[in-house]
Protein backbone atom coordinates (compact mmCIF):
# COMPACT_ATOMS: atom_id res chain seq x y z
CA MET A 1 109.14 120.77 115.96
CA GLY A 2 111.72 118.15 116.87
CA ARG A 3 110.82 117.10 120.41
CA MET A 4 109.20 113.83 119.37
CA PHE A 5 110.64 112.80 115.98
CA ARG A 6 114.19 111.88 115.14
CA GLU A 7 115.76 113.78 112.25
CA GLY A 8 113.58 112.88 109.25
CA GLY A 9 111.64 110.47 111.46
CA GLU A 10 108.23 111.46 110.10
CA ARG A 11 108.87 109.47 106.92
CA TYR A 12 108.83 106.20 108.84
CA PHE A 13 105.14 106.76 109.56
CA SER A 14 104.31 107.30 105.90
CA LEU A 15 102.32 104.56 104.18
CA GLU A 16 104.93 104.70 101.39
CA TYR A 17 107.68 103.60 103.77
CA LEU A 18 108.69 99.98 103.14
CA PRO A 19 109.82 98.42 106.44
CA GLU A 20 112.93 96.27 106.62
CA LYS A 21 111.09 93.56 108.55
CA THR A 22 107.64 92.20 107.81
CA PRO A 23 106.38 90.36 110.91
CA TYR A 24 103.67 87.75 110.28
CA ARG A 25 103.80 88.23 106.48
CA GLU A 26 107.14 86.64 105.53
CA LYS A 27 105.35 83.45 104.52
CA HIS A 28 103.09 85.42 102.16
CA ILE A 29 106.11 87.10 100.54
CA LYS A 30 107.82 83.76 100.02
CA GLU A 31 104.70 82.15 98.53
CA LEU A 32 103.99 85.03 96.18
CA TYR A 33 107.62 85.26 95.05
CA THR A 34 107.87 81.51 94.44
CA TYR A 35 104.61 81.47 92.48
CA LEU A 36 105.55 84.43 90.27
CA ILE A 37 109.02 83.10 89.46
CA SER A 38 107.64 79.66 88.67
CA GLU A 39 104.98 81.09 86.36
CA ILE A 40 107.47 83.37 84.61
CA LYS A 41 109.78 80.40 83.95
CA THR A 42 107.04 78.14 82.64
CA GLY A 43 105.58 80.86 80.43
CA SER A 44 102.00 80.37 81.60
CA PHE A 45 100.15 82.53 84.06
CA ARG A 46 96.99 82.97 86.08
CA PRO A 47 97.12 86.20 88.14
CA PRO A 48 97.32 85.55 91.89
CA ILE A 49 94.81 87.12 94.29
CA LEU A 50 95.77 88.81 97.56
CA LEU A 51 92.66 89.07 99.70
CA GLY A 52 92.06 90.81 103.01
CA PRO A 53 90.78 93.93 104.80
CA SER A 54 92.63 97.24 104.69
CA GLY A 55 95.75 97.49 106.81
CA THR A 56 96.55 93.78 106.87
CA GLY A 57 99.82 93.93 104.92
CA LYS A 58 98.76 93.26 101.32
CA THR A 59 100.48 96.31 99.84
CA THR A 60 103.62 95.68 101.86
CA VAL A 61 103.75 92.06 100.70
CA VAL A 62 103.41 93.08 97.05
CA ASN A 63 106.07 95.79 97.37
CA LYS A 64 108.48 93.52 99.26
CA THR A 65 107.96 90.75 96.69
CA LEU A 66 108.60 93.11 93.79
CA GLN A 67 111.71 94.39 95.57
CA LEU A 68 112.91 90.81 95.98
CA ILE A 69 112.38 90.12 92.29
CA ASN A 70 114.35 93.26 91.37
CA ASP A 71 117.20 92.26 93.67
CA LYS A 72 117.49 88.70 92.37
CA ILE A 73 116.54 88.73 88.71
CA GLU A 74 117.56 90.96 85.81
CA GLY A 75 115.28 91.90 82.94
CA ILE A 76 112.09 92.14 84.99
CA LEU A 77 110.27 95.44 85.43
CA THR A 78 108.03 95.77 88.50
CA ARG A 79 105.51 98.33 89.67
CA ASN A 80 102.65 98.42 92.18
CA PHE A 81 99.78 100.68 91.08
CA ASN A 82 97.07 101.99 93.41
CA MET A 83 93.90 101.37 91.42
CA MET A 84 91.83 103.58 93.75
CA LEU A 85 93.47 106.56 92.04
CA VAL A 86 92.18 105.71 88.55
CA ASN A 87 88.61 105.94 87.29
CA SER A 88 88.69 103.64 84.27
CA SER A 89 90.56 100.74 82.73
CA TYR A 90 91.78 103.08 80.01
CA SER A 91 93.48 105.42 82.51
CA ALA A 92 94.83 102.40 84.40
CA ILE A 93 96.43 100.97 81.25
CA ARG A 94 97.87 104.39 80.41
CA SER A 95 99.52 104.54 83.86
CA ILE A 96 100.80 100.98 83.55
CA CYS A 97 102.24 101.65 80.09
CA SER A 98 103.71 105.06 81.04
CA PHE A 99 106.05 103.41 83.52
CA VAL A 100 107.62 101.44 80.65
CA THR A 101 107.49 103.90 77.75
CA PRO A 102 106.18 107.47 77.18
CA VAL A 103 102.51 107.73 76.25
CA PRO A 104 101.06 110.91 74.66
CA GLU A 105 98.38 112.69 76.68
CA ARG A 106 95.85 112.31 73.85
CA GLY A 107 95.37 110.57 70.58
CA LEU A 108 96.08 106.88 71.31
CA SER A 109 93.38 104.26 71.49
CA LEU A 110 93.51 101.52 74.11
CA ASN A 111 94.74 99.00 71.52
CA GLU A 112 97.50 101.38 70.42
CA ILE A 113 98.64 101.86 74.02
CA ILE A 114 98.75 98.09 74.56
CA GLU A 115 100.64 97.64 71.31
CA LYS A 116 103.15 100.26 72.45
CA LEU A 117 103.54 98.54 75.83
CA TYR A 118 104.07 95.06 74.44
CA GLY A 119 106.33 96.33 71.67
CA THR A 120 108.66 97.98 74.19
CA LEU A 121 108.74 94.87 76.39
CA GLU A 122 109.48 92.69 73.37
CA MET A 123 112.21 95.00 72.08
CA GLU A 124 113.91 95.06 75.51
CA ASP A 125 113.17 91.36 76.10
CA SER A 126 111.60 92.30 79.44
CA ILE A 127 108.97 90.90 81.75
CA TYR A 128 106.56 93.27 83.50
CA VAL A 129 105.12 92.30 86.91
CA ILE A 130 102.28 94.63 87.91
CA GLY A 131 100.48 95.03 91.24
CA LEU A 132 96.83 96.08 90.89
CA ASP A 133 96.42 97.37 94.43
CA ASP A 134 92.94 98.09 95.85
CA VAL A 135 91.34 97.18 92.53
CA ASP A 136 87.92 96.37 94.08
CA GLU A 137 86.05 99.43 92.82
CA LEU A 138 87.47 99.24 89.31
CA LEU A 139 86.48 95.57 89.09
CA ARG A 140 82.93 96.40 90.19
CA LYS A 141 82.63 99.45 87.98
CA GLU A 142 83.75 97.81 84.74
CA ARG A 143 83.10 94.13 85.49
CA GLY A 144 86.77 93.20 85.42
CA ARG A 145 87.68 94.81 82.11
CA ILE A 146 91.17 95.67 83.40
CA LEU A 147 91.85 91.96 84.00
CA GLU A 148 90.40 90.98 80.65
CA ILE A 149 92.76 93.44 78.92
CA LEU A 150 95.89 92.43 80.82
CA THR A 151 95.35 88.68 80.45
CA ARG A 152 94.51 89.01 76.76
CA ILE A 153 97.78 90.83 76.03
CA ASN A 154 99.72 87.62 76.56
CA GLU A 155 97.23 85.56 74.57
CA ASP A 156 97.07 87.97 71.64
CA TYR A 157 100.84 88.32 71.28
CA GLY A 158 101.67 84.68 71.94
CA ALA A 159 104.22 85.16 74.74
CA TYR A 160 103.84 85.97 78.42
CA ARG A 161 105.39 89.32 79.26
CA VAL A 162 102.74 90.95 81.50
CA PHE A 163 102.08 89.45 84.94
CA PRO A 164 99.40 91.25 87.00
CA ILE A 165 98.79 90.66 90.72
CA VAL A 166 95.20 91.20 91.92
CA VAL A 167 94.90 92.88 95.34
CA VAL A 168 91.38 93.19 96.80
CA ARG A 169 89.78 93.88 100.16
CA SER A 170 86.80 91.64 99.46
CA ILE A 171 86.26 88.55 97.34
CA LYS A 172 82.81 89.80 96.22
CA PRO A 173 83.95 91.78 93.16
CA VAL A 174 85.98 88.74 92.06
CA TYR A 175 82.99 86.39 92.40
CA ALA A 176 80.88 88.91 90.46
CA LEU A 177 83.20 88.83 87.44
CA PRO A 178 81.98 87.21 84.21
CA ASP A 179 82.95 83.54 84.03
CA HIS A 180 85.38 84.02 81.14
CA ILE A 181 87.38 86.54 83.21
CA ARG A 182 87.17 84.80 86.57
CA SER A 183 88.44 81.56 85.03
CA LYS A 184 91.70 83.27 84.06
CA ILE A 185 92.72 84.44 87.55
CA GLY A 186 93.36 82.94 90.97
CA GLY A 187 96.24 80.62 90.29
CA LEU A 188 97.29 81.44 93.86
CA THR A 189 95.10 83.01 96.56
CA LEU A 190 96.69 84.48 99.69
CA ASN A 191 94.37 85.39 102.54
CA PHE A 192 95.32 88.18 104.94
CA GLU A 193 93.72 88.02 108.38
CA PRO A 194 93.34 91.13 110.58
CA TYR A 195 96.20 91.62 113.03
CA ARG A 196 95.83 91.00 116.75
CA ALA A 197 97.00 93.64 119.23
CA SER A 198 100.21 91.75 120.07
CA GLU A 199 101.05 91.48 116.36
CA LEU A 200 100.36 95.17 115.79
CA ILE A 201 102.89 96.03 118.51
CA ASP A 202 105.57 93.99 116.71
CA ILE A 203 104.67 95.60 113.37
CA VAL A 204 105.06 99.22 114.56
CA LYS A 205 108.21 98.54 116.57
CA GLU A 206 110.55 99.35 113.68
CA ARG A 207 108.74 102.58 112.81
CA ILE A 208 108.77 103.77 116.41
CA GLY A 209 112.46 102.92 116.83
CA LYS A 210 113.50 104.73 113.66
CA GLY A 211 110.97 107.53 113.72
CA LEU A 212 110.59 108.67 117.35
CA ARG A 213 113.17 109.87 119.82
CA GLU A 214 114.14 107.45 122.57
CA ASN A 215 111.66 107.22 125.47
CA SER A 216 109.16 109.46 123.67
CA ILE A 217 106.30 106.94 123.93
CA SER A 218 105.39 104.74 126.87
CA ARG A 219 104.89 101.00 126.65
CA ASN A 220 101.32 101.43 127.92
CA ALA A 221 100.60 103.96 125.15
CA ILE A 222 101.78 101.48 122.50
CA GLU A 223 99.60 98.77 124.05
CA ALA A 224 96.59 101.12 124.19
CA ALA A 225 97.04 102.10 120.52
CA ALA A 226 97.25 98.42 119.56
CA LEU A 227 94.11 97.51 121.52
CA ILE A 228 92.20 100.41 119.98
CA SER A 229 93.34 99.39 116.50
CA GLU A 230 92.29 95.78 117.08
CA GLU A 231 88.94 96.57 118.71
CA ILE A 232 87.75 99.64 116.79
CA TYR A 233 89.64 99.45 113.49
CA GLY A 234 89.48 95.67 113.03
CA GLY A 235 93.19 94.91 113.33
CA ASN A 236 94.25 97.58 110.83
CA ALA A 237 97.98 98.31 111.08
CA ARG A 238 97.64 101.52 109.09
CA GLU A 239 95.28 102.93 111.70
CA MET A 240 97.71 102.15 114.53
CA ILE A 241 100.60 103.75 112.65
CA ASN A 242 98.43 106.80 111.97
CA LEU A 243 97.28 107.01 115.60
CA ILE A 244 100.84 107.04 116.93
CA TYR A 245 101.94 109.54 114.27
CA LYS A 246 99.09 111.94 115.07
CA SER A 247 99.79 111.53 118.79
CA ALA A 248 103.41 112.55 118.20
CA LEU A 249 102.25 115.61 116.25
CA TYR A 250 99.89 116.49 119.10
CA CYS A 251 102.78 116.34 121.58
CA GLU A 252 104.86 118.58 119.31
CA ARG A 253 102.08 121.17 119.17
CA LYS A 254 101.55 121.07 122.94
CA ASP A 255 105.29 121.06 123.70
CA LEU A 256 105.07 117.68 125.46
CA ASN A 257 107.92 115.17 125.76
CA ILE A 258 106.14 111.82 125.80
CA ILE A 259 103.13 110.06 124.33
CA ASN A 260 101.25 108.44 127.21
CA VAL A 261 97.90 106.65 127.25
CA GLU A 262 96.00 109.88 127.84
CA ILE A 263 97.47 111.39 124.65
CA ILE A 264 96.42 108.29 122.70
CA ARG A 265 92.91 108.64 124.15
CA LYS A 266 92.73 112.35 123.26
CA VAL A 267 93.83 111.85 119.66
CA PHE A 268 91.64 108.80 119.15
CA PHE A 269 88.60 110.48 120.70
CA HIS A 270 88.96 113.48 118.43
CA GLU A 271 88.99 111.17 115.39
CA TYR A 272 86.31 108.69 116.40
CA TYR A 273 84.04 109.46 119.35
CA LYS A 274 83.24 113.09 118.61
CA HIS A 275 79.60 112.96 119.74
CA ILE A 276 79.83 110.69 122.77
CA LYS A 277 78.26 113.23 125.17
CA HIS A 278 75.11 113.30 123.05
CA ASP A 279 75.09 109.53 122.73
CA ILE A 280 75.03 108.67 126.43
CA ARG A 281 71.72 109.99 127.75
CA ASP A 282 71.22 107.46 130.55
CA ARG A 283 72.23 109.10 133.83
CA VAL A 284 73.55 105.89 135.38
CA LYS A 285 75.80 105.16 132.41
CA ALA A 286 76.98 108.76 132.25
CA ASN A 287 77.87 108.79 135.96
CA LEU A 288 79.57 105.40 135.69
CA LEU A 289 81.65 106.46 132.72
CA LYS A 290 82.55 109.74 134.42
CA MET A 291 83.89 107.88 137.46
CA ILE A 292 85.76 105.32 135.36
CA VAL A 293 87.40 108.04 133.27
CA SER A 294 88.42 109.96 136.38
CA MET A 295 90.02 106.95 138.06
CA THR A 296 92.37 106.00 135.20
CA GLY A 297 95.78 107.67 135.36
CA GLU A 298 97.59 109.58 132.62
CA ASP A 299 99.45 106.44 131.57
CA SER A 300 97.04 103.70 132.59
CA TYR A 301 94.05 102.04 130.98
CA ILE A 302 93.39 98.95 133.11
CA ILE A 303 90.87 98.88 135.95
CA THR A 304 91.32 95.71 137.99
CA ALA A 305 88.55 93.55 139.40
CA GLU A 306 89.23 95.02 142.85
CA GLU A 307 88.95 98.56 141.48
CA VAL A 308 85.73 97.64 139.69
CA ASP A 309 84.31 96.36 142.97
CA SER A 310 85.34 99.57 144.72
CA LEU A 311 83.79 101.57 141.87
CA ILE A 312 80.49 99.73 142.21
CA LYS A 313 80.41 100.36 145.97
CA GLU A 314 81.15 104.04 145.49
CA ILE A 315 78.50 104.61 142.85
CA THR A 316 75.86 102.66 144.77
CA SER A 317 76.50 104.73 147.90
CA SER A 318 76.84 108.06 146.05
CA TYR A 319 73.83 107.74 143.76
CA GLY A 320 71.70 105.11 145.46
CA TYR A 321 71.83 102.62 142.59
CA LYS A 322 71.55 98.87 143.19
CA ARG A 323 74.61 96.68 142.56
CA ASP A 324 72.88 94.54 139.91
CA GLU A 325 71.76 97.70 138.14
CA VAL A 326 75.33 99.05 138.05
CA LEU A 327 76.71 95.73 136.77
CA LYS A 328 74.09 95.70 134.03
CA HIS A 329 75.04 99.22 132.93
CA ILE A 330 78.76 98.35 132.91
CA GLU A 331 77.97 95.39 130.68
CA GLU A 332 75.96 97.63 128.35
CA LEU A 333 78.84 100.12 128.13
CA ILE A 334 81.13 97.25 127.15
CA ASN A 335 78.63 95.97 124.58
CA ARG A 336 78.37 99.47 123.09
CA ARG A 337 82.20 99.52 122.83
CA TYR A 338 82.60 102.44 125.21
CA LEU A 339 84.71 100.18 127.41
CA MET A 340 86.56 96.92 126.87
CA GLU A 341 86.74 93.88 129.11
CA ASP A 342 89.69 91.52 129.50
CA ASN A 343 89.79 88.67 132.05
CA GLY A 344 87.74 90.50 134.66
CA LYS A 345 89.48 93.82 134.04
CA ILE A 346 87.82 96.81 132.44
CA LEU A 347 89.91 98.66 129.87
CA GLN A 348 89.35 102.42 129.59
CA LEU A 349 90.95 103.13 126.23
CA PHE A 350 88.68 105.55 124.48
CA PHE A 351 87.85 108.64 126.58
CA PRO A 352 90.16 111.44 127.74
CA LYS A 353 89.99 112.72 131.28
CA ASP A 354 88.66 116.14 130.25
CA LEU A 355 85.59 114.61 128.59
CA PHE A 356 83.29 115.44 131.50
């Protein structure tokens, strides 16, 4: 090990790593921070909602906002909890409370745990800002009981000390909540759109610079990983980070010095297109794809319009297919997401050269 990563560089590809810069999400951080501070000062609160698909920066925004609060204001406790790791509101409240004060493994009712939590916050004159990250399933499973509990704490004790942040991938579980719960949340809603390929490149730049050795990944490989993550994974930054990380591990195992486009294709194909040979049964499509794969270099993924024209001529002469028939099959391959198209160029991002 050590050919690809800098000393300790693997940690920069961990999902727990909090980047110094947050491209395209600074506005969200500012809005969430401003809202929380304003609500804390006024002593009234409706939990904000952060809404968007996986890998669009919601967790990072919550963590960066909580970090900002810690840096600027004393007497506020902050914690972001992954709600996918809990199976009930009871276990969620236990985790939330345990960060503030010890909770016995057994023997306490939910009300006793809440009483213990609020009592500690009151004694220390503290505010507790809580991220409920990926809370979709828990909301569906228990019809929002976790939100009912956390919003009632403030009402029951007469002072606002607990400030939850709702983080969901879909708005559906929020809309499905009972009216009396839904009416208490959504004072601020921040929408997170999927990243475009160009944005994904900016997002991973810091991780690559800190985590990988200099010149250990080509520019084309970064672009290919971004295009794959936009097209196949719906603009998910986590998937791009993971793809580059696994590609670096692959190079380490194979004793290679650089991640090129072909390495990205190999790693991606192993994860995603495992059964492609069985999927393409049409001989024309199979021959076309075989030729396209063979004509892309180790560090290239673009086939120009001129090269496409040359490809069509070659396959029509070699196999006796008609030009219109070949064009139709190329279009079908693009529609089936085996190829991509960009301004008259075909992009061969998905299949390694040793596929056929």
